[in-house]
């Protein structure tokens, strides 16, 4: 289900190579590259590893050409990103997807876009509004479900137990032959253990009815290295199977993606750019590396 999209990132890396075709690689090059990688939010560990690999390749091929350096960087990043399986596992019927993430990352809108993404491939979808603590969250999800043209199961009263809403959603899917269930959860802060316990309860209730196909963690692409802390906490508490990057627009640096993947083993499965209902696509490492480096 992956689909190429011409993403736009912050230009720290591309700018490094602009107009440098005639310049040779020297010590200043490595300093400038380090600044560019850190500026693109790769983090110190990934930055050091990437530069060490590039130095070894430059020495091996005895090149001083900036175009070679740019190509090696692009290919190296693509190779790192390609180590992870970006395929959505949605073969069960119903296939149940839990969507988790902290407040403000665009989780609810992502669910609407994901529902539309799936219907574009001919899948039937129902959304469960299990973020029951905020009436506004249920209302917002209803709006996005309507835009996506999918059904929604809402709480029967405000503050209803989120796990019971999840239960009702799966029951609805089974009764009506709906292929894919997407369950929204509260925008819980990763530092609050009680909220994580509640998410665990939702999982236990769901698993009594149907296997959980995916637990997707939504990350704001502009949060940088803080996204890694969020991913690690959710991985430990929620059994996350994949990442969804939102707000991947001109202000996003994007480099923290490598740190998140390499330190958690979580693949990126979907990426969102823009506010439209169709602005969510599958993740393609080649396109991502191309847009990041040029």
Protein backbone atom coordinates (compact mmCIF):
# COMPACT_ATOMS: atom_id res chain seq x y z
CA UNK A 1 0.00 0.00 0.00
CA UNK A 2 3.01 2.29 -0.12
CA UNK A 3 2.65 5.30 -2.35
CA UNK A 4 5.35 7.76 -3.33
CA UNK A 5 4.90 11.37 -2.29
CA UNK A 6 7.16 14.34 -2.91
CA UNK A 7 7.77 15.42 0.68
CA UNK A 8 9.36 18.68 1.66
CA UNK A 9 11.76 18.90 4.58
CA UNK A 10 13.87 21.61 6.15
CA UNK A 11 16.75 22.26 3.77
CA UNK A 12 19.78 21.91 6.08
CA UNK A 13 21.20 18.95 4.21
CA UNK A 14 20.21 19.94 0.69
CA UNK A 15 21.62 23.42 1.22
CA UNK A 16 24.97 21.89 2.15
CA UNK A 17 25.33 20.52 -1.37
CA UNK A 18 23.79 23.38 -3.34
CA UNK A 19 26.32 24.96 -5.65
CA UNK A 20 29.15 22.78 -4.30
CA UNK A 21 29.82 20.73 -7.45
CA UNK A 22 33.32 22.20 -7.88
CA UNK A 23 34.31 22.16 -4.23
CA UNK A 24 36.50 19.33 -2.92
CA UNK A 25 35.90 17.37 0.27
CA UNK A 26 38.12 18.59 3.11
CA UNK A 27 38.09 18.86 6.91
CA UNK A 28 35.65 21.76 6.77
CA UNK A 29 33.27 19.50 4.89
CA UNK A 30 32.93 17.13 7.83
CA UNK A 31 32.36 19.98 10.28
CA UNK A 32 29.67 21.45 8.04
CA UNK A 33 28.04 18.06 7.54
CA UNK A 34 27.97 17.46 11.29
CA UNK A 35 26.25 20.81 11.85
CA UNK A 36 23.74 20.04 9.06
CA UNK A 37 22.92 16.58 10.45
CA UNK A 38 22.48 17.85 13.99
CA UNK A 39 20.38 20.70 12.61
CA UNK A 40 18.19 18.17 10.80
CA UNK A 41 17.60 16.40 14.15
CA UNK A 42 19.54 13.22 13.52
CA UNK A 43 20.90 13.37 17.06
CA UNK A 44 24.56 13.01 18.11
CA UNK A 45 24.80 9.20 17.94
CA UNK A 46 23.32 8.83 14.45
CA UNK A 47 25.29 11.86 13.22
CA UNK A 48 28.59 10.38 14.39
CA UNK A 49 27.77 6.99 12.87
CA UNK A 50 26.74 8.48 9.51
CA UNK A 51 29.88 10.63 9.27
CA UNK A 52 32.17 7.72 10.19
CA UNK A 53 30.60 5.60 7.43
CA UNK A 54 30.97 8.41 4.90
CA UNK A 55 34.62 9.03 5.80
CA UNK A 56 35.35 5.34 5.28
CA UNK A 57 33.64 5.33 1.87
CA UNK A 58 35.34 8.55 0.73
CA UNK A 59 38.72 7.06 1.65
CA UNK A 60 37.94 3.71 0.03
CA UNK A 61 36.86 5.24 -3.28
CA UNK A 62 39.46 8.02 -3.08
CA UNK A 63 36.97 10.68 -4.09
CA UNK A 64 36.97 14.40 -3.40
CA UNK A 65 33.77 15.07 -5.34
CA UNK A 66 30.85 16.65 -3.46
CA UNK A 67 28.39 14.93 -5.80
CA UNK A 68 29.81 11.57 -4.71
CA UNK A 69 29.44 12.58 -1.06
CA UNK A 70 25.83 13.59 -1.59
CA UNK A 71 25.04 10.32 -3.38
CA UNK A 72 26.76 8.24 -0.66
CA UNK A 73 24.83 10.05 2.06
CA UNK A 74 21.51 9.57 0.26
CA UNK A 75 22.18 5.86 -0.39
CA UNK A 76 23.39 5.32 3.17
CA UNK A 77 20.27 6.85 4.68
CA UNK A 78 18.03 4.86 2.34
CA UNK A 79 19.82 1.65 3.33
CA UNK A 80 19.31 2.39 7.02
CA UNK A 81 15.64 3.22 6.54
CA UNK A 82 15.05 0.10 4.43
CA UNK A 83 16.06 -2.28 7.23
CA UNK A 84 12.53 -2.11 8.63
CA UNK A 85 9.35 -3.66 7.24
CA UNK A 86 6.96 -0.79 6.48
CA UNK A 87 4.09 -3.09 5.45
CA UNK A 88 0.79 -2.68 7.27
CA UNK A 89 -0.33 -6.05 8.69
CA UNK A 90 -4.08 -5.98 8.09
CA UNK A 91 -4.91 -9.53 7.04
CA UNK A 92 -7.16 -10.49 9.98
CA UNK A 93 -10.90 -9.98 9.74
CA UNK A 94 -11.67 -7.77 11.38
CA UNK A 95 -8.18 -6.26 11.47
CA UNK A 96 -8.02 -4.15 14.64
CA UNK A 97 -5.73 -1.11 14.75
CA UNK A 98 -5.13 0.85 17.95
CA UNK A 99 -3.90 4.40 17.44
CA UNK A 100 -1.93 5.94 20.31
CA UNK A 101 0.03 9.13 20.93
CA UNK A 102 0.31 12.21 23.10
CA UNK A 103 -1.94 15.25 22.81
CA UNK A 104 -1.24 17.59 19.94
CA UNK A 105 0.44 15.21 17.51
CA UNK A 106 -2.54 15.08 15.15
CA UNK A 107 -3.81 11.66 16.22
CA UNK A 108 -7.50 12.21 15.57
CA UNK A 109 -7.01 13.76 12.15
CA UNK A 110 -4.57 10.96 11.31
CA UNK A 111 -7.28 8.39 12.03
CA UNK A 112 -9.61 10.13 9.59
CA UNK A 113 -6.91 10.23 6.93
CA UNK A 114 -5.99 6.59 7.59
CA UNK A 115 -9.62 5.56 7.19
CA UNK A 116 -9.75 7.37 3.85
CA UNK A 117 -6.43 5.80 2.83
CA UNK A 118 -7.90 2.34 3.46
CA UNK A 119 -11.19 3.01 1.68
CA UNK A 120 -9.20 4.11 -1.36
CA UNK A 121 -8.01 0.49 -1.50
CA UNK A 122 -11.56 -0.81 -1.28
CA UNK A 123 -11.53 -1.70 2.42
CA UNK A 124 -14.53 -1.21 4.70
CA UNK A 125 -13.70 0.65 7.93
CA UNK A 126 -15.32 1.48 11.25
CA UNK A 127 -13.79 3.91 13.74
CA UNK A 128 -14.17 3.60 17.51
CA UNK A 129 -14.16 6.81 19.57
CA UNK A 130 -12.52 5.42 22.71
CA UNK A 131 -11.08 8.80 23.78
CA UNK A 132 -14.13 9.20 26.00
CA UNK A 133 -12.78 11.78 28.45
CA UNK A 134 -13.08 14.68 26.01
CA UNK A 135 -16.39 15.27 24.26
CA UNK A 136 -14.53 17.44 21.76
CA UNK A 137 -12.36 14.46 20.78
CA UNK A 138 -15.43 12.34 20.00
CA UNK A 139 -16.97 15.19 18.01
CA UNK A 140 -13.76 15.80 16.07
CA UNK A 141 -13.38 12.12 15.24
CA UNK A 142 -16.98 12.06 14.05
CA UNK A 143 -16.24 14.92 11.67
CA UNK A 144 -13.21 13.14 10.22
CA UNK A 145 -15.08 9.83 9.94
CA UNK A 146 -17.77 11.61 7.95
CA UNK A 147 -15.14 13.15 5.64
CA UNK A 148 -13.62 9.71 5.12
CA UNK A 149 -17.01 8.16 4.43
CA UNK A 150 -16.74 5.55 7.20
CA UNK A 151 -18.91 4.55 10.14
CA UNK A 152 -18.14 5.45 13.74
CA UNK A 153 -19.06 3.93 17.10
CA UNK A 154 -19.35 6.62 19.78
CA UNK A 155 -19.65 6.42 23.58
CA UNK A 156 -23.21 6.02 24.78
CA UNK A 157 -22.50 8.60 27.48
CA UNK A 158 -19.65 10.99 28.24
CA UNK A 159 -16.90 9.39 30.29
CA UNK A 160 -17.88 5.85 29.29
CA UNK A 161 -15.17 3.28 29.91
CA UNK A 162 -12.86 3.44 26.84
CA UNK A 163 -12.44 -0.34 26.81
CA UNK A 164 -16.21 -0.80 26.52
CA UNK A 165 -16.31 1.52 23.49
CA UNK A 166 -13.53 -0.54 21.91
CA UNK A 167 -15.53 -3.69 22.65
CA UNK A 168 -18.67 -2.25 21.05
CA UNK A 169 -16.71 -1.17 17.96
CA UNK A 170 -15.32 -4.64 17.33
CA UNK A 171 -18.73 -6.17 17.97
CA UNK A 172 -20.19 -3.77 15.38
CA UNK A 173 -17.54 -4.82 12.87
CA UNK A 174 -18.26 -8.50 13.40
CA UNK A 175 -22.01 -8.03 13.14
CA UNK A 176 -21.75 -5.97 9.95
CA UNK A 177 -18.82 -7.63 8.19
CA UNK A 178 -16.57 -4.57 8.41
CA UNK A 179 -12.99 -5.42 7.47
CA UNK A 180 -10.91 -2.95 9.49
CA UNK A 181 -11.45 -1.41 12.93
CA UNK A 182 -9.52 1.73 13.94
CA UNK A 183 -9.73 2.58 17.63
CA UNK A 184 -8.86 6.06 18.90
CA UNK A 185 -7.41 6.31 22.41
CA UNK A 186 -6.92 9.19 24.83
CA UNK A 187 -4.03 11.55 24.04
CA UNK A 188 -2.23 10.32 27.08
CA UNK A 189 1.09 11.77 28.16
CA UNK A 190 3.81 9.14 28.09
CA UNK A 191 4.84 10.10 31.64
CA UNK A 192 1.50 9.18 33.21
CA UNK A 193 1.51 5.54 34.25
CA UNK A 194 -2.21 5.39 35.09
CA UNK A 195 -3.17 6.35 31.58
CA UNK A 196 -0.79 3.73 30.20
CA UNK A 197 -2.49 1.16 32.44
CA UNK A 198 -5.81 2.16 30.90
CA UNK A 199 -4.40 1.56 27.45
CA UNK A 200 -3.32 -1.89 28.61
CA UNK A 201 -6.91 -2.56 29.69
CA UNK A 202 -8.19 -1.60 26.24
CA UNK A 203 -5.73 -4.04 24.69
CA UNK A 204 -6.79 -6.88 26.96
CA UNK A 205 -10.48 -6.33 26.20
CA UNK A 206 -9.83 -6.12 22.47
CA UNK A 207 -7.69 -9.25 22.39
CA UNK A 208 -10.54 -11.29 23.88
CA UNK A 209 -12.55 -10.49 20.75
CA UNK A 210 -9.96 -10.30 17.97
CA UNK A 211 -6.18 -10.17 17.49
CA UNK A 212 -4.68 -6.69 17.43
CA UNK A 213 -3.23 -6.26 13.96
CA UNK A 214 -1.33 -3.01 14.55
CA UNK A 215 -0.64 -0.54 17.35
CA UNK A 216 0.34 2.66 15.57
CA UNK A 217 2.10 5.45 17.45
CA UNK A 218 1.51 8.90 15.97
CA UNK A 219 4.52 11.21 16.21
CA UNK A 220 4.72 14.88 15.28
CA UNK A 221 7.65 15.16 12.84
CA UNK A 222 8.49 18.59 14.24
CA UNK A 223 9.15 17.31 17.79
CA UNK A 224 12.64 16.05 16.98
CA UNK A 225 14.49 13.96 19.55
CA UNK A 226 11.60 14.23 22.03
CA UNK A 227 9.78 11.89 19.67
CA UNK A 228 12.26 9.17 20.56
CA UNK A 229 11.35 9.40 24.25
CA UNK A 230 7.67 9.13 23.36
CA UNK A 231 8.27 6.10 21.16
CA UNK A 232 10.32 4.27 23.78
CA UNK A 233 7.70 4.79 26.49
CA UNK A 234 4.85 3.61 24.28
CA UNK A 235 6.87 0.66 23.01
CA UNK A 236 7.30 -0.53 26.59
CA UNK A 237 3.70 0.08 27.64
CA UNK A 238 1.59 -0.36 24.53
CA UNK A 239 3.34 -2.88 22.29
CA UNK A 240 3.65 -0.44 19.41
CA UNK A 241 4.14 -2.10 16.01
CA UNK A 242 4.68 0.94 13.80
CA UNK A 243 4.98 4.71 13.56
CA UNK A 244 2.90 7.34 11.80
CA UNK A 245 4.66 10.65 11.17
CA UNK A 246 2.47 13.74 10.99
CA UNK A 247 3.17 17.38 10.09
CA UNK A 248 5.88 16.34 7.65
CA UNK A 249 5.93 19.70 5.93
CA UNK A 250 8.49 22.38 5.17
CA UNK A 251 9.16 23.06 8.85
CA UNK A 252 9.87 19.42 9.71
CA UNK A 253 13.49 18.38 10.09
CA UNK A 254 12.82 14.68 9.71
CA UNK A 255 16.23 13.35 10.74
CA UNK A 256 15.01 12.02 14.09
CA UNK A 257 13.24 9.27 12.13
CA UNK A 258 16.49 7.31 11.98
CA UNK A 259 17.04 7.52 15.72
CA UNK A 260 13.48 6.41 16.44
CA UNK A 261 13.75 3.43 14.09
CA UNK A 262 17.24 2.29 15.06
CA UNK A 263 16.78 2.61 18.82
CA UNK A 264 13.30 1.10 19.03
CA UNK A 265 13.16 -1.18 15.99
CA UNK A 266 9.83 0.42 15.04
CA UNK A 267 9.17 0.91 11.33
CA UNK A 268 7.50 3.97 9.88
CA UNK A 269 4.31 2.77 8.24
CA UNK A 270 2.50 5.96 7.27
CA UNK A 271 3.38 9.62 6.75
CA UNK A 272 1.13 12.66 6.74
CA UNK A 273 1.80 15.93 4.98
CA UNK A 274 -0.81 18.66 4.75
CA UNK A 275 -4.28 19.02 6.25
CA UNK A 276 -6.40 17.38 3.55
CA UNK A 277 -8.25 14.09 3.95
CA UNK A 278 -5.99 12.54 1.28
CA UNK A 279 -2.72 13.74 2.80
CA UNK A 280 -1.56 10.41 4.22
CA UNK A 281 0.53 7.86 2.33
CA UNK A 282 2.61 4.79 2.87
CA UNK A 283 6.26 5.32 3.79
CA UNK A 284 8.86 4.90 1.03
CA UNK A 285 12.52 4.97 2.21
CA UNK A 286 13.87 5.89 -1.25
CA UNK A 287 11.61 8.94 -1.57
CA UNK A 288 12.25 9.99 2.03
CA UNK A 289 16.05 9.88 1.61
CA UNK A 290 15.83 11.67 -1.73
CA UNK A 291 13.79 14.52 -0.31
CA UNK A 292 15.95 14.76 2.81
CA UNK A 293 19.32 14.96 1.03
CA UNK A 294 18.48 15.94 -2.54
